[in-house]
Amino acid sequence: MQALSTTYLPASEGELIKTALGASWGALHPNIQRRFDHNPTATEQLYYQGTLDNLWCSTAGRWLARFTSPLLGGVLIPACQQHVPVDIVVFSKPDDKRIYKRRWYHLAKSSPIIFTSHMALGEDNVLLEYVGAGFGMGLKLSVVEGDLHFHSCGYFWEIFGVKILLPNILTPGATWLIHHNVSAQEFAIKIVITHRWFGRTFLQEGRFHSTDKSFNFS
């Protein structure tokens, strides 16, 4: 519980990552460092576009996504598709130091799934990502062979400012994300969620690049 207490609201995503990594920041691939060093002001946004070569969920994951959709929107996607275009914008709001990230998943034969989260830093340099209705997860950051790794370290529900830790069995499962550098302009992302009882429930793999194109927030 203590490690999930919110202690710090960063001015940018780059500052958040640097603070969470501490001395490990220097071990990141230089291209990843430069990518996060590009910190927008409160009135600017960072835009990314890419394609998920593999978007997958298990049967258990599909039911979990549908069950949580009224509260969490598109954070869990009940679909198995390939070559899914994705738009991402990172931004902040006036008088609000939280860092927001909005994603558009352009699934075939359906309307885009839109999902927004926001981030802050908890004690012991735990990254807190809120995904909707007060629900969120703690993430520990590390560097492995120059890549940036995120590992979940607990899910919570925050209500009236109090964080209630959720039993692992009532969560989507352990989340693991890798940010891997491909080139100065491109990076790869892999997200794996594994449940204690149901095994691997969700998988996303794809490549992204920064862009100057702005996206419609609707």
C-alpha atoms as a PDB file:
ATOM      1  CA  MET A   1       0.000   0.000   0.000  1.00  0.00           C
ATOM      2  CA  GLN A   2       2.733   2.446   0.950  1.00  0.00           C
ATOM      3  CA  ALA A   3       4.629   2.034  -2.324  1.00  0.00           C
ATOM      4  CA  LEU A   4       1.487   2.919  -4.278  1.00  0.00           C
ATOM      5  CA  SER A   5       0.967   6.257  -2.525  1.00  0.00           C
ATOM      6  CA  THR A   6       1.150   9.189  -4.941  1.00  0.00           C
ATOM      7  CA  THR A   7       4.101  11.373  -4.006  1.00  0.00           C
ATOM      8  CA  TYR A   8       5.113  13.186  -7.177  1.00  0.00           C
ATOM      9  CA  LEU A   9       3.427  14.661 -10.243  1.00  0.00           C
ATOM     10  CA  PRO A  10       5.978  15.161 -13.053  1.00  0.00           C
ATOM     11  CA  ALA A  11       6.102  18.037 -15.510  1.00  0.00           C
ATOM     12  CA  SER A  12       6.600  15.696 -18.487  1.00  0.00           C
ATOM     13  CA  GLU A  13       6.716  12.041 -19.451  1.00  0.00           C
ATOM     14  CA  GLY A  14      10.499  12.256 -19.830  1.00  0.00           C
ATOM     15  CA  GLU A  15      10.931  13.639 -16.332  1.00  0.00           C
ATOM     16  CA  LEU A  16       8.679  10.883 -14.998  1.00  0.00           C
ATOM     17  CA  ILE A  17      10.749   8.130 -16.659  1.00  0.00           C
ATOM     18  CA  LYS A  18      14.044   9.665 -15.539  1.00  0.00           C
ATOM     19  CA  THR A  19      12.889   9.925 -11.928  1.00  0.00           C
ATOM     20  CA  ALA A  20      11.485   6.386 -11.891  1.00  0.00           C
ATOM     21  CA  LEU A  21      14.711   4.922 -13.323  1.00  0.00           C
ATOM     22  CA  GLY A  22      17.173   6.941 -11.263  1.00  0.00           C
ATOM     23  CA  ALA A  23      20.762   5.943 -12.033  1.00  0.00           C
ATOM     24  CA  SER A  24      19.564   3.318 -14.531  1.00  0.00           C
ATOM     25  CA  TRP A  25      18.572   6.101 -16.939  1.00  0.00           C
ATOM     26  CA  GLY A  26      22.163   6.206 -18.209  1.00  0.00           C
ATOM     27  CA  ALA A  27      21.962   2.543 -19.286  1.00  0.00           C
ATOM     28  CA  LEU A  28      19.101   3.209 -21.714  1.00  0.00           C
ATOM     29  CA  HIS A  29      19.832   3.162 -25.442  1.00  0.00           C
ATOM     30  CA  PRO A  30      20.770   6.746 -26.452  1.00  0.00           C
ATOM     31  CA  ASN A  31      17.878   6.893 -28.940  1.00  0.00           C
ATOM     32  CA  ILE A  32      15.397   6.055 -26.174  1.00  0.00           C
ATOM     33  CA  GLN A  33      16.951   8.732 -23.976  1.00  0.00           C
ATOM     34  CA  ARG A  34      16.581  11.306 -26.755  1.00  0.00           C
ATOM     35  CA  ARG A  35      12.997  10.182 -27.367  1.00  0.00           C
ATOM     36  CA  PHE A  36      11.995  10.845 -23.756  1.00  0.00           C
ATOM     37  CA  ASP A  37      14.141  13.988 -23.528  1.00  0.00           C
ATOM     38  CA  HIS A  38      11.768  15.591 -26.032  1.00  0.00           C
ATOM     39  CA  ASN A  39       9.514  17.049 -23.358  1.00  0.00           C
ATOM     40  CA  PRO A  40       6.504  19.090 -24.494  1.00  0.00           C
ATOM     41  CA  THR A  41       5.239  22.127 -22.662  1.00  0.00           C
ATOM     42  CA  ALA A  42       1.795  22.131 -21.062  1.00  0.00           C
ATOM     43  CA  THR A  43       0.309  23.454 -24.317  1.00  0.00           C
ATOM     44  CA  GLU A  44       2.050  20.946 -26.619  1.00  0.00           C
ATOM     45  CA  GLN A  45       1.511  17.276 -27.392  1.00  0.00           C
ATOM     46  CA  LEU A  46       3.674  14.404 -28.587  1.00  0.00           C
ATOM     47  CA  TYR A  47       2.196  12.323 -31.394  1.00  0.00           C
ATOM     48  CA  TYR A  48       3.054   8.755 -32.368  1.00  0.00           C
ATOM     49  CA  GLN A  49       1.741   6.475 -35.087  1.00  0.00           C
ATOM     50  CA  GLY A  50       2.332   2.806 -35.645  1.00  0.00           C
ATOM     51  CA  THR A  51       0.966  -0.629 -36.377  1.00  0.00           C
ATOM     52  CA  LEU A  52       0.338  -3.566 -34.088  1.00  0.00           C
ATOM     53  CA  ASP A  53       1.514  -6.542 -36.111  1.00  0.00           C
ATOM     54  CA  ASN A  54      -0.114  -8.758 -33.523  1.00  0.00           C
ATOM     55  CA  LEU A  55      -3.099  -7.901 -31.303  1.00  0.00           C
ATOM     56  CA  TRP A  56      -4.262 -10.991 -29.426  1.00  0.00           C
ATOM     57  CA  CYS A  57      -6.362 -12.051 -26.448  1.00  0.00           C
ATOM     58  CA  SER A  58      -7.362 -15.417 -25.052  1.00  0.00           C
ATOM     59  CA  THR A  59     -10.946 -16.535 -24.468  1.00  0.00           C
ATOM     60  CA  ALA A  60     -10.613 -15.638 -20.776  1.00  0.00           C
ATOM     61  CA  GLY A  61      -9.137 -12.273 -21.758  1.00  0.00           C
ATOM     62  CA  ARG A  62     -12.022 -11.602 -24.117  1.00  0.00           C
ATOM     63  CA  TRP A  63     -14.586 -12.171 -21.351  1.00  0.00           C
ATOM     64  CA  LEU A  64     -12.565 -10.062 -18.904  1.00  0.00           C
ATOM     65  CA  ALA A  65     -12.375  -7.203 -21.410  1.00  0.00           C
ATOM     66  CA  ARG A  66     -16.117  -7.271 -22.004  1.00  0.00           C
ATOM     67  CA  PHE A  67     -16.873  -7.452 -18.271  1.00  0.00           C
ATOM     68  CA  THR A  68     -14.672  -4.449 -17.414  1.00  0.00           C
ATOM     69  CA  SER A  69     -15.528  -2.347 -20.468  1.00  0.00           C
ATOM     70  CA  PRO A  70     -18.250  -0.259 -18.734  1.00  0.00           C
ATOM     71  CA  LEU A  71     -15.660   0.955 -16.193  1.00  0.00           C
ATOM     72  CA  LEU A  72     -12.384   0.835 -18.086  1.00  0.00           C
ATOM     73  CA  GLY A  73     -13.392   1.442 -21.691  1.00  0.00           C
ATOM     74  CA  GLY A  74     -10.818   0.132 -24.160  1.00  0.00           C
ATOM     75  CA  VAL A  75      -7.919  -0.589 -21.809  1.00  0.00           C
ATOM     76  CA  LEU A  76      -8.440  -4.327 -22.498  1.00  0.00           C
ATOM     77  CA  ILE A  77      -9.245  -5.106 -26.131  1.00  0.00           C
ATOM     78  CA  PRO A  78     -11.366  -8.234 -26.815  1.00  0.00           C
ATOM     79  CA  ALA A  79      -9.994  -8.877 -30.312  1.00  0.00           C
ATOM     80  CA  CYS A  80      -7.448 -10.911 -32.238  1.00  0.00           C
ATOM     81  CA  GLN A  81      -6.231  -9.029 -35.305  1.00  0.00           C
ATOM     82  CA  GLN A  82      -3.059  -8.274 -37.223  1.00  0.00           C
ATOM     83  CA  HIS A  83      -1.736  -5.051 -38.735  1.00  0.00           C
ATOM     84  CA  VAL A  84      -3.855  -2.754 -36.563  1.00  0.00           C
ATOM     85  CA  PRO A  85      -3.071   0.981 -37.039  1.00  0.00           C
ATOM     86  CA  VAL A  86      -2.658   2.857 -33.746  1.00  0.00           C
ATOM     87  CA  ASP A  87      -2.426   6.579 -32.983  1.00  0.00           C
ATOM     88  CA  ILE A  88      -1.040   7.838 -29.657  1.00  0.00           C
ATOM     89  CA  VAL A  89      -0.880  11.319 -28.162  1.00  0.00           C
ATOM     90  CA  VAL A  90       0.929  12.276 -24.927  1.00  0.00           C
ATOM     91  CA  PHE A  91      -0.275  15.498 -23.341  1.00  0.00           C
ATOM     92  CA  SER A  92      -1.005  17.432 -20.170  1.00  0.00           C
ATOM     93  CA  LYS A  93      -3.795  19.786 -19.172  1.00  0.00           C
ATOM     94  CA  PRO A  94      -3.777  23.365 -17.843  1.00  0.00           C
ATOM     95  CA  ASP A  95      -3.300  23.459 -14.056  1.00  0.00           C
ATOM     96  CA  ASP A  96      -2.926  19.669 -14.029  1.00  0.00           C
ATOM     97  CA  LYS A  97       0.574  18.143 -13.786  1.00  0.00           C
ATOM     98  CA  ARG A  98      -0.527  14.598 -14.513  1.00  0.00           C
ATOM     99  CA  ILE A  99       0.743  13.105 -17.790  1.00  0.00           C
ATOM    100  CA  TYR A 100      -1.999  11.789 -20.077  1.00  0.00           C
ATOM    101  CA  LYS A 101      -1.733   9.259 -22.881  1.00  0.00           C
ATOM    102  CA  ARG A 102      -4.578   8.651 -25.328  1.00  0.00           C
ATOM    103  CA  ARG A 103      -4.607   5.776 -27.820  1.00  0.00           C
ATOM    104  CA  TRP A 104      -6.763   5.061 -30.869  1.00  0.00           C
ATOM    105  CA  TYR A 105      -6.894   1.403 -32.015  1.00  0.00           C
ATOM    106  CA  HIS A 106      -8.284   1.282 -35.555  1.00  0.00           C
ATOM    107  CA  LEU A 107      -9.690  -2.235 -35.624  1.00  0.00           C
ATOM    108  CA  ALA A 108     -10.978  -3.734 -38.852  1.00  0.00           C
ATOM    109  CA  LYS A 109     -14.729  -3.529 -39.420  1.00  0.00           C
ATOM    110  CA  SER A 110     -15.433  -1.541 -36.247  1.00  0.00           C
ATOM    111  CA  SER A 111     -15.220   1.947 -34.788  1.00  0.00           C
ATOM    112  CA  PRO A 112     -11.869   2.884 -33.217  1.00  0.00           C
ATOM    113  CA  ILE A 113     -11.334   1.837 -29.618  1.00  0.00           C
ATOM    114  CA  ILE A 114     -10.142   4.880 -27.656  1.00  0.00           C
ATOM    115  CA  PHE A 115      -8.421   4.526 -24.306  1.00  0.00           C
ATOM    116  CA  THR A 116      -6.933   7.248 -22.068  1.00  0.00           C
ATOM    117  CA  SER A 117      -4.696   6.792 -19.024  1.00  0.00           C
ATOM    118  CA  HIS A 118      -2.722   9.165 -16.837  1.00  0.00           C
ATOM    119  CA  MET A 119       0.501   8.736 -14.893  1.00  0.00           C
ATOM    120  CA  ALA A 120       2.103   9.884 -11.650  1.00  0.00           C
ATOM    121  CA  LEU A 121       4.916   8.617  -9.444  1.00  0.00           C
ATOM    122  CA  GLY A 122       4.469   6.761  -6.170  1.00  0.00           C
ATOM    123  CA  GLU A 123       6.881   6.001  -3.356  1.00  0.00           C
ATOM    124  CA  ASP A 124       9.984   3.891  -4.042  1.00  0.00           C
ATOM    125  CA  ASN A 125       9.938   5.185  -7.654  1.00  0.00           C
ATOM    126  CA  VAL A 126       6.880   3.127  -8.561  1.00  0.00           C
ATOM    127  CA  LEU A 127       5.130   4.483 -11.645  1.00  0.00           C
ATOM    128  CA  LEU A 128       1.348   4.709 -11.148  1.00  0.00           C
ATOM    129  CA  GLU A 129      -0.839   4.421 -14.233  1.00  0.00           C
ATOM    130  CA  TYR A 130      -4.550   5.139 -13.791  1.00  0.00           C
ATOM    131  CA  VAL A 131      -6.753   3.541 -16.437  1.00  0.00           C
ATOM    132  CA  GLY A 132     -10.249   4.704 -15.468  1.00  0.00           C
ATOM    133  CA  ALA A 133     -12.808   4.858 -12.630  1.00  0.00           C
ATOM    134  CA  GLY A 134     -10.001   5.073 -10.066  1.00  0.00           C
ATOM    135  CA  PHE A 135      -8.450   1.775 -11.148  1.00  0.00           C
ATOM    136  CA  GLY A 136      -4.734   1.589 -11.840  1.00  0.00           C
ATOM    137  CA  MET A 137      -1.537  -0.368 -11.470  1.00  0.00           C
ATOM    138  CA  GLY A 138       1.928   0.164 -10.088  1.00  0.00           C
ATOM    139  CA  LEU A 139       4.840  -0.356 -12.481  1.00  0.00           C
ATOM    140  CA  LYS A 140       8.500  -0.921 -11.701  1.00  0.00           C
ATOM    141  CA  LEU A 141      10.898   0.293 -14.395  1.00  0.00           C
ATOM    142  CA  SER A 142      14.229  -1.288 -15.324  1.00  0.00           C
ATOM    143  CA  VAL A 143      16.760  -1.312 -18.160  1.00  0.00           C
ATOM    144  CA  VAL A 144      17.773  -4.580 -19.840  1.00  0.00           C
ATOM    145  CA  GLU A 145      20.369  -4.437 -22.645  1.00  0.00           C
ATOM    146  CA  GLY A 146      19.414  -0.837 -23.357  1.00  0.00           C
ATOM    147  CA  ASP A 147      15.668  -1.537 -23.538  1.00  0.00           C
ATOM    148  CA  LEU A 148      13.118   0.004 -21.184  1.00  0.00           C
ATOM    149  CA  HIS A 149      11.085  -2.580 -19.239  1.00  0.00           C
ATOM    150  CA  PHE A 150       7.891  -2.052 -17.230  1.00  0.00           C
ATOM    151  CA  HIS A 151       6.685  -4.739 -14.789  1.00  0.00           C
ATOM    152  CA  SER A 152       3.436  -4.453 -12.861  1.00  0.00           C
ATOM    153  CA  CYS A 153       3.764  -4.640  -9.074  1.00  0.00           C
ATOM    154  CA  GLY A 154       0.153  -4.466  -7.963  1.00  0.00           C
ATOM    155  CA  TYR A 155      -3.270  -3.233  -9.046  1.00  0.00           C
ATOM    156  CA  PHE A 156      -5.391  -0.859  -7.009  1.00  0.00           C
ATOM    157  CA  TRP A 157      -8.696   0.966  -6.848  1.00  0.00           C
ATOM    158  CA  GLU A 158      -8.525   4.529  -5.574  1.00  0.00           C
ATOM    159  CA  ILE A 159     -11.688   5.882  -3.998  1.00  0.00           C
ATOM    160  CA  PHE A 160     -11.912   9.176  -2.103  1.00  0.00           C
ATOM    161  CA  GLY A 161      -8.127   9.425  -2.189  1.00  0.00           C
ATOM    162  CA  VAL A 162      -7.522   5.987  -0.639  1.00  0.00           C
ATOM    163  CA  LYS A 163      -5.850   3.223  -2.656  1.00  0.00           C
ATOM    164  CA  ILE A 164      -7.197  -0.283  -2.062  1.00  0.00           C
ATOM    165  CA  LEU A 165      -4.886  -3.026  -3.297  1.00  0.00           C
ATOM    166  CA  LEU A 166      -6.682  -5.668  -5.357  1.00  0.00           C
ATOM    167  CA  PRO A 167      -6.065  -9.421  -4.999  1.00  0.00           C
ATOM    168  CA  ASN A 168      -4.087 -10.735  -7.961  1.00  0.00           C
ATOM    169  CA  ILE A 169      -6.894 -13.109  -8.919  1.00  0.00           C
ATOM    170  CA  LEU A 170      -9.232 -10.143  -9.486  1.00  0.00           C
ATOM    171  CA  THR A 171      -6.845  -8.368 -11.883  1.00  0.00           C
ATOM    172  CA  PRO A 172      -6.058  -8.897 -15.591  1.00  0.00           C
ATOM    173  CA  GLY A 173      -2.751 -10.421 -14.496  1.00  0.00           C
ATOM    174  CA  ALA A 174       0.920  -9.512 -14.381  1.00  0.00           C
ATOM    175  CA  THR A 175       1.750  -6.911 -17.038  1.00  0.00           C
ATOM    176  CA  TRP A 176       5.112  -6.719 -18.792  1.00  0.00           C
ATOM    177  CA  LEU A 177       5.970  -4.044 -21.382  1.00  0.00           C
ATOM    178  CA  ILE A 178       9.174  -3.570 -23.392  1.00  0.00           C
ATOM    179  CA  HIS A 179      10.162  -0.388 -25.236  1.00  0.00           C
ATOM    180  CA  HIS A 180      12.856  -1.507 -27.715  1.00  0.00           C
ATOM    181  CA  ASN A 181      14.793   0.867 -29.946  1.00  0.00           C
ATOM    182  CA  VAL A 182      14.722   0.083 -33.663  1.00  0.00           C
ATOM    183  CA  SER A 183      16.274   3.272 -35.033  1.00  0.00           C
ATOM    184  CA  ALA A 184      16.493   6.966 -34.212  1.00  0.00           C
ATOM    185  CA  GLN A 185      12.995   7.358 -35.656  1.00  0.00           C
ATOM    186  CA  GLU A 186      11.344   4.056 -34.734  1.00  0.00           C
ATOM    187  CA  PHE A 187      10.748   1.906 -31.671  1.00  0.00           C
ATOM    188  CA  ALA A 188       9.033  -1.421 -30.980  1.00  0.00           C
ATOM    189  CA  ILE A 189       6.581  -2.170 -28.197  1.00  0.00           C
ATOM    190  CA  LYS A 190       5.623  -5.541 -26.720  1.00  0.00           C
ATOM    191  CA  ILE A 191       2.953  -5.898 -24.022  1.00  0.00           C
ATOM    192  CA  VAL A 192       2.187  -9.234 -22.353  1.00  0.00           C
ATOM    193  CA  ILE A 193      -0.440  -9.804 -19.633  1.00  0.00           C
ATOM    194  CA  THR A 194      -0.450 -13.157 -17.827  1.00  0.00           C
ATOM    195  CA  HIS A 195      -3.088 -14.248 -15.297  1.00  0.00           C
ATOM    196  CA  ARG A 196      -2.250 -16.614 -12.437  1.00  0.00           C
ATOM    197  CA  TRP A 197      -5.109 -18.999 -13.300  1.00  0.00           C
ATOM    198  CA  PHE A 198      -5.785 -18.388 -16.988  1.00  0.00           C
ATOM    199  CA  GLY A 199      -2.241 -17.985 -18.318  1.00  0.00           C
ATOM    200  CA  ARG A 200      -1.475 -15.450 -21.020  1.00  0.00           C
ATOM    201  CA  THR A 201      -4.569 -13.315 -21.586  1.00  0.00           C
ATOM    202  CA  PHE A 202      -3.375 -10.391 -23.764  1.00  0.00           C
ATOM    203  CA  LEU A 203      -0.542  -9.676 -26.192  1.00  0.00           C
ATOM    204  CA  GLN A 204       0.341  -6.611 -28.283  1.00  0.00           C
ATOM    205  CA  GLU A 205       3.394  -6.310 -30.552  1.00  0.00           C
ATOM    206  CA  GLY A 206       4.101  -3.468 -32.933  1.00  0.00           C
ATOM    207  CA  ARG A 207       6.299  -0.610 -34.142  1.00  0.00           C
ATOM    208  CA  PHE A 208       5.817   3.135 -33.754  1.00  0.00           C
ATOM    209  CA  HIS A 209       7.386   6.414 -34.822  1.00  0.00           C
ATOM    210  CA  SER A 210       6.930  10.030 -33.800  1.00  0.00           C
ATOM    211  CA  THR A 211       4.948  12.280 -36.128  1.00  0.00           C
ATOM    212  CA  ASP A 212       3.930  15.911 -36.419  1.00  0.00           C
ATOM    213  CA  LYS A 213       0.387  14.892 -37.333  1.00  0.00           C
ATOM    214  CA  SER A 214      -2.244  15.959 -34.816  1.00  0.00           C
ATOM    215  CA  PHE A 215      -5.194  13.697 -34.005  1.00  0.00           C
ATOM    216  CA  ASN A 216      -8.863  14.430 -33.482  1.00  0.00           C
ATOM    217  CA  PHE A 217      -9.642  13.901 -29.784  1.00  0.00           C
ATOM    218  CA  SER A 218     -13.212  12.795 -30.501  1.00  0.00           C
END
